[in-house]
N, C-alpha and C. Protein backbone atom coordinates (compact mmCIF):
# COMPACT_ATOMS: atom_id res chain seq x y z
N MET A 1 -86.04 -8.64 -103.18
CA MET A 1 -85.38 -7.39 -103.85
C MET A 1 -86.14 -6.26 -103.77
N ASN A 2 -85.82 -5.20 -104.01
CA ASN A 2 -86.52 -4.40 -104.14
C ASN A 2 -86.37 -3.44 -105.66
N ALA A 3 -87.21 -2.44 -105.72
CA ALA A 3 -87.98 -2.58 -107.10
C ALA A 3 -86.52 -1.56 -107.54
N GLU A 4 -85.65 -0.76 -107.19
CA GLU A 4 -84.51 -0.52 -107.68
C GLU A 4 -83.86 -1.42 -108.36
N HIS A 5 -83.53 -2.42 -107.42
CA HIS A 5 -82.62 -3.19 -108.29
C HIS A 5 -83.29 -4.40 -109.88
N MET A 6 -84.32 -4.63 -109.42
CA MET A 6 -85.21 -4.98 -110.46
C MET A 6 -85.67 -3.88 -111.53
N ALA A 7 -85.80 -2.67 -111.41
CA ALA A 7 -85.55 -2.13 -112.55
C ALA A 7 -84.05 -1.96 -113.55
N LYS A 8 -83.00 -2.07 -112.21
CA LYS A 8 -81.47 -2.24 -113.07
C LYS A 8 -81.83 -3.43 -114.39
N LEU A 9 -82.15 -4.52 -113.50
CA LEU A 9 -82.29 -5.95 -114.04
C LEU A 9 -83.21 -5.52 -115.38
N PHE A 10 -84.10 -5.12 -115.13
CA PHE A 10 -85.55 -5.32 -116.31
C PHE A 10 -84.52 -4.01 -117.36
N LYS A 11 -83.53 -2.75 -116.64
CA LYS A 11 -82.70 -2.12 -117.90
C LYS A 11 -82.06 -2.94 -118.72
N ILE A 12 -81.08 -3.88 -118.03
CA ILE A 12 -80.37 -5.00 -118.74
C ILE A 12 -80.98 -5.65 -119.55
N LEU A 13 -82.23 -6.15 -119.42
CA LEU A 13 -82.80 -7.18 -120.11
C LEU A 13 -83.79 -6.48 -121.40
N GLY A 14 -83.90 -5.37 -120.98
CA GLY A 14 -84.18 -4.34 -122.28
C GLY A 14 -83.53 -3.93 -123.25
N ASP A 15 -82.46 -4.23 -123.30
CA ASP A 15 -81.51 -3.89 -124.60
C ASP A 15 -81.72 -5.08 -125.43
N ASP A 16 -82.57 -4.73 -126.76
CA ASP A 16 -82.46 -5.82 -127.89
C ASP A 16 -81.45 -6.71 -128.05
N LYS A 17 -80.10 -6.15 -128.08
CA LYS A 17 -79.42 -6.99 -128.83
C LYS A 17 -78.60 -8.15 -127.68
N ARG A 18 -78.91 -7.62 -125.82
CA ARG A 18 -78.79 -8.79 -125.12
C ARG A 18 -79.38 -9.67 -124.76
N LEU A 19 -80.98 -9.12 -125.75
CA LEU A 19 -82.12 -10.42 -125.69
C LEU A 19 -81.74 -11.41 -126.29
N ARG A 20 -81.26 -11.13 -127.56
CA ARG A 20 -81.00 -11.85 -128.46
C ARG A 20 -80.19 -12.74 -128.23
N ILE A 21 -78.83 -12.17 -127.53
CA ILE A 21 -77.77 -12.80 -127.23
C ILE A 21 -78.44 -14.19 -126.36
N LEU A 22 -79.12 -13.78 -125.00
CA LEU A 22 -79.88 -14.58 -124.59
C LEU A 22 -80.67 -15.58 -124.98
N LEU A 23 -81.62 -15.55 -126.01
CA LEU A 23 -82.47 -15.97 -126.96
C LEU A 23 -81.43 -17.08 -127.42
N CYS A 24 -80.16 -16.52 -127.81
CA CYS A 24 -79.40 -17.78 -129.15
C CYS A 24 -78.89 -18.21 -127.96
N ILE A 25 -78.54 -18.05 -126.55
CA ILE A 25 -77.53 -18.99 -125.74
C ILE A 25 -78.70 -20.16 -125.46
N GLY A 26 -80.20 -19.63 -124.93
CA GLY A 26 -81.00 -20.39 -124.77
C GLY A 26 -80.71 -21.15 -123.45
N LYS A 27 -81.16 -22.52 -123.54
CA LYS A 27 -80.81 -23.45 -122.03
C LYS A 27 -79.51 -23.93 -122.47
N ASN A 28 -78.93 -24.06 -123.48
CA ASN A 28 -77.56 -24.53 -123.91
C ASN A 28 -76.31 -23.55 -123.59
N ARG A 29 -75.12 -23.86 -123.89
CA ARG A 29 -73.99 -23.43 -123.71
C ARG A 29 -73.54 -22.97 -124.70
N CYS A 30 -72.91 -21.64 -124.83
CA CYS A 30 -72.21 -21.43 -126.34
C CYS A 30 -71.01 -20.73 -125.99
N SER A 31 -70.41 -20.60 -127.24
CA SER A 31 -69.21 -19.92 -127.20
C SER A 31 -69.42 -18.16 -127.85
N VAL A 32 -68.32 -17.90 -127.75
CA VAL A 32 -68.68 -16.46 -128.51
C VAL A 32 -69.09 -16.58 -129.72
N SER A 33 -68.06 -17.25 -130.67
CA SER A 33 -68.05 -17.48 -132.17
C SER A 33 -69.34 -18.13 -132.28
N GLU A 34 -69.87 -19.01 -131.67
CA GLU A 34 -71.10 -19.57 -131.91
C GLU A 34 -72.47 -18.54 -131.96
N ILE A 35 -72.16 -17.69 -130.62
CA ILE A 35 -73.50 -16.18 -130.64
C ILE A 35 -73.10 -15.32 -131.93
N ILE A 36 -71.69 -15.12 -131.99
CA ILE A 36 -71.66 -14.42 -133.21
C ILE A 36 -72.39 -15.01 -134.52
N GLY A 37 -72.02 -16.24 -135.03
CA GLY A 37 -72.64 -16.98 -135.90
C GLY A 37 -74.15 -16.72 -136.12
N ASN A 38 -74.83 -16.56 -135.20
CA ASN A 38 -76.18 -17.09 -134.93
C ASN A 38 -76.85 -15.62 -134.96
N THR A 39 -76.07 -14.63 -134.77
CA THR A 39 -76.76 -13.48 -134.61
C THR A 39 -75.95 -11.91 -135.34
N SER A 40 -75.09 -12.71 -136.20
CA SER A 40 -74.27 -11.56 -137.23
C SER A 40 -73.70 -10.32 -136.43
N PHE A 41 -73.76 -10.32 -135.13
CA PHE A 41 -72.94 -9.36 -134.15
C PHE A 41 -71.40 -9.25 -134.46
N SER A 42 -71.03 -7.98 -134.31
CA SER A 42 -69.49 -8.07 -134.20
C SER A 42 -68.97 -8.79 -133.09
N GLN A 43 -67.74 -9.20 -133.07
CA GLN A 43 -67.15 -9.73 -131.61
C GLN A 43 -66.77 -8.92 -130.58
N THR A 44 -66.78 -7.40 -130.93
CA THR A 44 -66.74 -6.63 -129.90
C THR A 44 -68.10 -6.02 -129.32
N LEU A 45 -68.99 -6.18 -130.14
CA LEU A 45 -70.28 -6.35 -129.95
C LEU A 45 -70.60 -7.25 -128.65
N VAL A 46 -70.50 -8.43 -129.33
CA VAL A 46 -71.22 -9.68 -128.47
C VAL A 46 -70.35 -9.98 -127.08
N SER A 47 -68.80 -9.25 -127.12
CA SER A 47 -68.18 -9.27 -125.89
C SER A 47 -68.81 -8.29 -124.84
N PHE A 48 -68.80 -7.21 -125.41
CA PHE A 48 -69.18 -5.84 -124.38
C PHE A 48 -70.42 -6.75 -123.93
N HIS A 49 -71.72 -7.04 -124.34
CA HIS A 49 -72.90 -7.51 -124.01
C HIS A 49 -72.63 -8.49 -123.11
N LEU A 50 -72.22 -9.53 -123.37
CA LEU A 50 -71.49 -10.81 -122.35
C LEU A 50 -71.22 -10.19 -120.98
N ARG A 51 -69.88 -9.41 -121.10
CA ARG A 51 -69.49 -8.59 -119.89
C ARG A 51 -70.94 -8.49 -119.19
N ILE A 52 -71.55 -7.26 -119.55
CA ILE A 52 -72.72 -6.71 -118.91
C ILE A 52 -73.52 -7.69 -118.18
N LEU A 53 -73.95 -8.85 -119.00
CA LEU A 53 -74.96 -10.09 -118.65
C LEU A 53 -74.10 -11.21 -117.33
N ARG A 54 -72.77 -11.22 -117.70
CA ARG A 54 -72.09 -11.94 -116.61
C ARG A 54 -72.03 -10.86 -115.24
N GLU A 55 -71.65 -9.69 -115.35
CA GLU A 55 -71.62 -8.84 -114.24
C GLU A 55 -73.22 -8.67 -113.33
N ALA A 56 -74.00 -8.87 -114.18
CA ALA A 56 -75.29 -8.92 -113.58
C ALA A 56 -75.64 -10.33 -113.19
N CYS A 57 -74.87 -11.06 -112.46
CA CYS A 57 -75.07 -12.71 -112.48
C CYS A 57 -76.62 -13.51 -113.77
N ILE A 58 -76.33 -12.72 -114.90
CA ILE A 58 -77.16 -13.70 -115.51
C ILE A 58 -76.64 -15.12 -115.88
N LEU A 59 -75.76 -14.06 -116.76
CA LEU A 59 -74.91 -15.52 -117.52
C LEU A 59 -73.52 -15.72 -116.14
N LYS A 60 -72.96 -16.92 -116.73
CA LYS A 60 -72.21 -17.85 -116.25
C LYS A 60 -71.05 -18.19 -116.93
N ALA A 61 -69.77 -17.76 -117.29
CA ALA A 61 -68.97 -18.60 -118.03
C ALA A 61 -67.95 -19.64 -117.57
N GLU A 62 -67.29 -20.66 -118.45
CA GLU A 62 -66.74 -21.58 -118.28
C GLU A 62 -65.83 -21.75 -119.24
N ARG A 63 -64.26 -21.96 -118.51
CA ARG A 63 -63.41 -21.84 -119.97
C ARG A 63 -63.18 -23.35 -120.33
N GLN A 64 -62.96 -23.91 -121.10
CA GLN A 64 -62.39 -25.24 -121.77
C GLN A 64 -61.50 -24.84 -123.01
N GLY A 65 -60.40 -24.98 -122.30
CA GLY A 65 -59.49 -25.41 -123.71
C GLY A 65 -58.80 -23.78 -123.90
N ALA A 66 -59.07 -23.05 -125.21
CA ALA A 66 -59.10 -21.95 -125.52
C ALA A 66 -60.23 -21.30 -125.89
N PHE A 67 -61.62 -22.22 -125.65
CA PHE A 67 -62.94 -21.37 -125.75
C PHE A 67 -63.52 -21.03 -124.55
N ILE A 68 -64.20 -20.06 -124.37
CA ILE A 68 -65.02 -19.61 -123.08
C ILE A 68 -66.26 -19.93 -123.16
N TYR A 69 -67.29 -20.74 -122.92
CA TYR A 69 -68.72 -21.14 -123.17
C TYR A 69 -69.51 -20.65 -122.04
N TYR A 70 -70.60 -19.61 -122.40
CA TYR A 70 -71.43 -18.64 -121.68
C TYR A 70 -72.93 -19.72 -121.58
N GLN A 71 -73.43 -19.81 -120.60
CA GLN A 71 -74.77 -19.96 -120.06
C GLN A 71 -75.22 -19.38 -119.33
N LEU A 72 -76.50 -19.83 -119.43
CA LEU A 72 -77.57 -19.22 -117.81
C LEU A 72 -77.35 -19.74 -116.77
N VAL A 73 -77.21 -18.60 -115.89
CA VAL A 73 -77.23 -18.99 -114.46
C VAL A 73 -78.15 -19.38 -113.80
N ASP A 74 -79.83 -19.36 -114.41
CA ASP A 74 -80.98 -19.76 -113.78
C ASP A 74 -81.79 -19.91 -115.49
N ALA A 75 -81.96 -20.91 -115.93
CA ALA A 75 -82.48 -21.19 -117.31
C ALA A 75 -83.96 -20.68 -117.15
N GLU A 76 -84.77 -20.40 -115.83
CA GLU A 76 -86.31 -20.09 -115.31
C GLU A 76 -86.11 -18.91 -116.33
N LEU A 77 -85.21 -17.99 -116.43
CA LEU A 77 -85.10 -16.74 -117.00
C LEU A 77 -85.69 -16.76 -118.24
N LEU A 78 -85.81 -17.49 -119.31
CA LEU A 78 -86.54 -17.94 -120.20
C LEU A 78 -87.69 -18.41 -120.21
N ASP A 79 -88.17 -18.56 -119.78
CA ASP A 79 -89.91 -18.70 -119.09
C ASP A 79 -90.24 -17.33 -118.79
N LEU A 80 -89.78 -16.52 -118.20
CA LEU A 80 -89.84 -15.33 -117.68
C LEU A 80 -90.30 -14.41 -119.15
N VAL A 81 -88.90 -14.68 -120.07
CA VAL A 81 -88.95 -13.74 -120.96
C VAL A 81 -90.10 -14.42 -122.12
N SER A 82 -90.54 -15.59 -121.75
CA SER A 82 -91.56 -16.12 -122.66
C SER A 82 -92.93 -15.68 -122.35
N LYS A 83 -93.07 -15.32 -121.18
CA LYS A 83 -94.24 -14.95 -120.54
C LYS A 83 -94.71 -13.71 -120.84
N PHE A 84 -93.36 -12.96 -120.59
CA PHE A 84 -93.33 -11.48 -120.94
C PHE A 84 -93.46 -11.11 -122.43
N ASN A 85 -93.06 -12.26 -123.16
CA ASN A 85 -93.36 -12.07 -124.85
C ASN A 85 -95.27 -12.23 -124.90
N GLU A 86 -95.66 -12.96 -124.27
CA GLU A 86 -96.94 -13.42 -124.20
C GLU A 86 -97.69 -12.27 -123.98
N PHE A 87 -97.42 -11.67 -122.82
CA PHE A 87 -98.01 -10.47 -122.37
C PHE A 87 -98.03 -9.29 -123.19
N VAL A 88 -96.76 -8.89 -124.06
CA VAL A 88 -96.56 -7.99 -124.92
C VAL A 88 -97.43 -8.16 -126.15
N SER A 89 -97.66 -9.44 -126.61
CA SER A 89 -98.53 -10.15 -127.66
C SER A 89 -99.66 -9.67 -127.83
N LYS A 90 -100.42 -9.44 -126.33
CA LYS A 90 -101.68 -9.34 -125.72
C LYS A 90 -101.82 -7.50 -126.23
N MET A 91 -100.77 -6.68 -126.00
CA MET A 91 -101.36 -5.25 -126.28
C MET A 91 -101.58 -4.87 -127.25
N PRO A 92 -102.10 -3.66 -127.39
CA PRO A 92 -102.44 -3.62 -128.81
C PRO A 92 -101.45 -2.74 -129.86
N LEU A 93 -101.91 -3.31 -130.75
CA LEU A 93 -100.73 -2.76 -131.87
C LEU A 93 -99.58 -1.55 -131.98
N GLU A 94 -100.71 -0.59 -131.51
CA GLU A 94 -99.95 0.79 -131.62
C GLU A 94 -99.22 0.76 -130.47
N ILE A 95 -99.40 0.04 -129.48
CA ILE A 95 -98.77 0.46 -128.13
C ILE A 95 -97.30 -0.51 -128.09
N ARG A 96 -97.03 -1.30 -129.01
CA ARG A 96 -96.06 -2.49 -129.27
C ARG A 96 -95.22 -1.51 -129.97
N GLU A 97 -95.50 -0.99 -131.14
CA GLU A 97 -94.91 -0.94 -132.41
C GLU A 97 -94.45 0.55 -132.36
N GLU A 98 -95.01 1.67 -131.87
CA GLU A 98 -95.70 3.02 -131.55
C GLU A 98 -94.06 3.55 -130.79
N GLU A 99 -93.35 4.96 -131.23
CA GLU A 99 -92.68 5.52 -130.18
C GLU A 99 -93.05 6.40 -129.43
N TYR A 100 -93.14 6.73 -128.31
CA TYR A 100 -93.72 7.67 -127.89
C TYR A 100 -92.96 8.95 -127.57
N SER A 101 -93.08 10.01 -127.55
CA SER A 101 -92.68 11.16 -126.89
C SER A 101 -93.29 11.73 -125.84
N CYS A 102 -92.64 12.27 -124.55
CA CYS A 102 -93.15 12.33 -123.52
C CYS A 102 -93.38 13.92 -123.43
N PRO A 103 -94.47 14.60 -123.15
CA PRO A 103 -94.24 16.12 -123.23
C PRO A 103 -93.90 16.35 -121.63
N CYS A 104 -93.71 15.61 -120.79
CA CYS A 104 -93.18 16.07 -119.42
C CYS A 104 -92.02 16.25 -119.46
N PRO A 105 -91.63 17.27 -118.37
CA PRO A 105 -89.98 17.47 -118.15
C PRO A 105 -89.51 16.18 -117.54
N PRO A 106 -88.29 16.12 -118.42
CA PRO A 106 -87.42 14.91 -117.31
C PRO A 106 -87.32 14.86 -115.84
N THR A 107 -87.47 13.85 -115.65
CA THR A 107 -87.15 13.30 -113.81
C THR A 107 -86.36 12.26 -114.07
N GLY A 108 -85.95 11.59 -115.12
CA GLY A 108 -84.90 10.51 -114.74
C GLY A 108 -85.34 9.05 -114.19
N ASN A 109 -86.95 9.12 -114.30
CA ASN A 109 -87.63 8.02 -113.24
C ASN A 109 -87.80 6.75 -114.58
N ASN A 110 -87.24 7.11 -115.93
CA ASN A 110 -88.11 6.22 -116.87
C ASN A 110 -87.46 4.75 -116.64
N ILE A 111 -88.05 4.01 -116.31
CA ILE A 111 -86.92 2.51 -115.71
C ILE A 111 -86.72 1.88 -117.10
N LEU A 112 -87.35 2.18 -117.92
CA LEU A 112 -86.79 0.85 -119.41
C LEU A 112 -85.69 1.88 -120.13
N THR A 113 -85.19 2.91 -120.23
CA THR A 113 -84.27 3.80 -121.14
C THR A 113 -83.73 4.09 -120.39
N GLY A 114 -83.98 5.23 -119.02
CA GLY A 114 -83.52 5.92 -118.49
C GLY A 114 -83.32 7.19 -118.88
N ARG A 115 -83.77 7.49 -120.16
CA ARG A 115 -84.09 8.79 -120.94
C ARG A 115 -85.62 8.54 -121.53
N TYR A 116 -85.78 9.94 -122.13
CA TYR A 116 -87.28 9.97 -122.72
C TYR A 116 -87.27 9.17 -124.36
N GLY A 117 -88.04 8.67 -124.71
CA GLY A 117 -87.72 8.14 -126.06
C GLY A 117 -89.15 6.91 -126.29
N LYS A 118 -88.70 6.06 -126.30
CA LYS A 118 -89.36 4.29 -126.91
C LYS A 118 -90.37 4.13 -125.47
N PHE A 119 -91.41 3.71 -125.32
CA PHE A 119 -91.83 3.98 -124.11
C PHE A 119 -91.93 4.62 -122.98
N SER A 120 -92.07 5.89 -123.54
CA SER A 120 -91.59 7.04 -122.70
C SER A 120 -92.52 7.06 -121.48
N ASN A 121 -93.76 6.35 -121.79
CA ASN A 121 -95.44 6.44 -121.47
C ASN A 121 -95.08 5.91 -120.01
N LEU A 122 -94.15 4.90 -119.87
CA LEU A 122 -94.16 4.06 -118.92
C LEU A 122 -92.96 4.70 -117.97
N VAL A 123 -93.36 5.63 -117.24
CA VAL A 123 -92.60 6.70 -116.36
C VAL A 123 -93.22 6.35 -114.86
N LEU A 124 -92.15 5.95 -114.21
CA LEU A 124 -92.75 5.49 -112.52
C LEU A 124 -92.75 6.93 -111.96
N LYS A 125 -93.87 6.84 -110.96
CA LYS A 125 -94.26 8.32 -110.24
C LYS A 125 -93.83 7.60 -109.08
N LYS A 126 -93.44 8.84 -108.30
CA LYS A 126 -93.03 8.75 -106.66
C LYS A 126 -94.37 8.89 -106.41
C-alpha cells in the first residue's frame, strides 16, 4: 500500500460522522434505521456516509428483505481506531483540543483535511 492510498483512507476515516457510524456498527451489523436511532443523524446524512464507506471497501452491505444491513469488511479496523484513540489520549491537551491556523501558503499537502484549518500543523513535506 502506498502513502497516497493510505492518506485517502485516513481522510475518509477522519470525518467525525463516519467515525461515529463505524463505532455505532462496531463488530455487529446494523440497518440504516438502527444507525439513525443510535447517532441521531438524518437518513440523508447516514446514507451519504455509508456510500463513501462502502466505496472505500470499509463496509459491506447485505440485503435481507426490505432492509440493508451494514457491517465492517474487517473488524480489525476497530482495533486500529482504539489504538489511535490511545495514541491521541497521550498527546498534550492543547494539541488534542486546539484548532491551528497555518501561516504557510497553501500547498494542498494536508492529508487530514485537504485544506488548512484543524490540525493544519500536520502537513507532509515533500
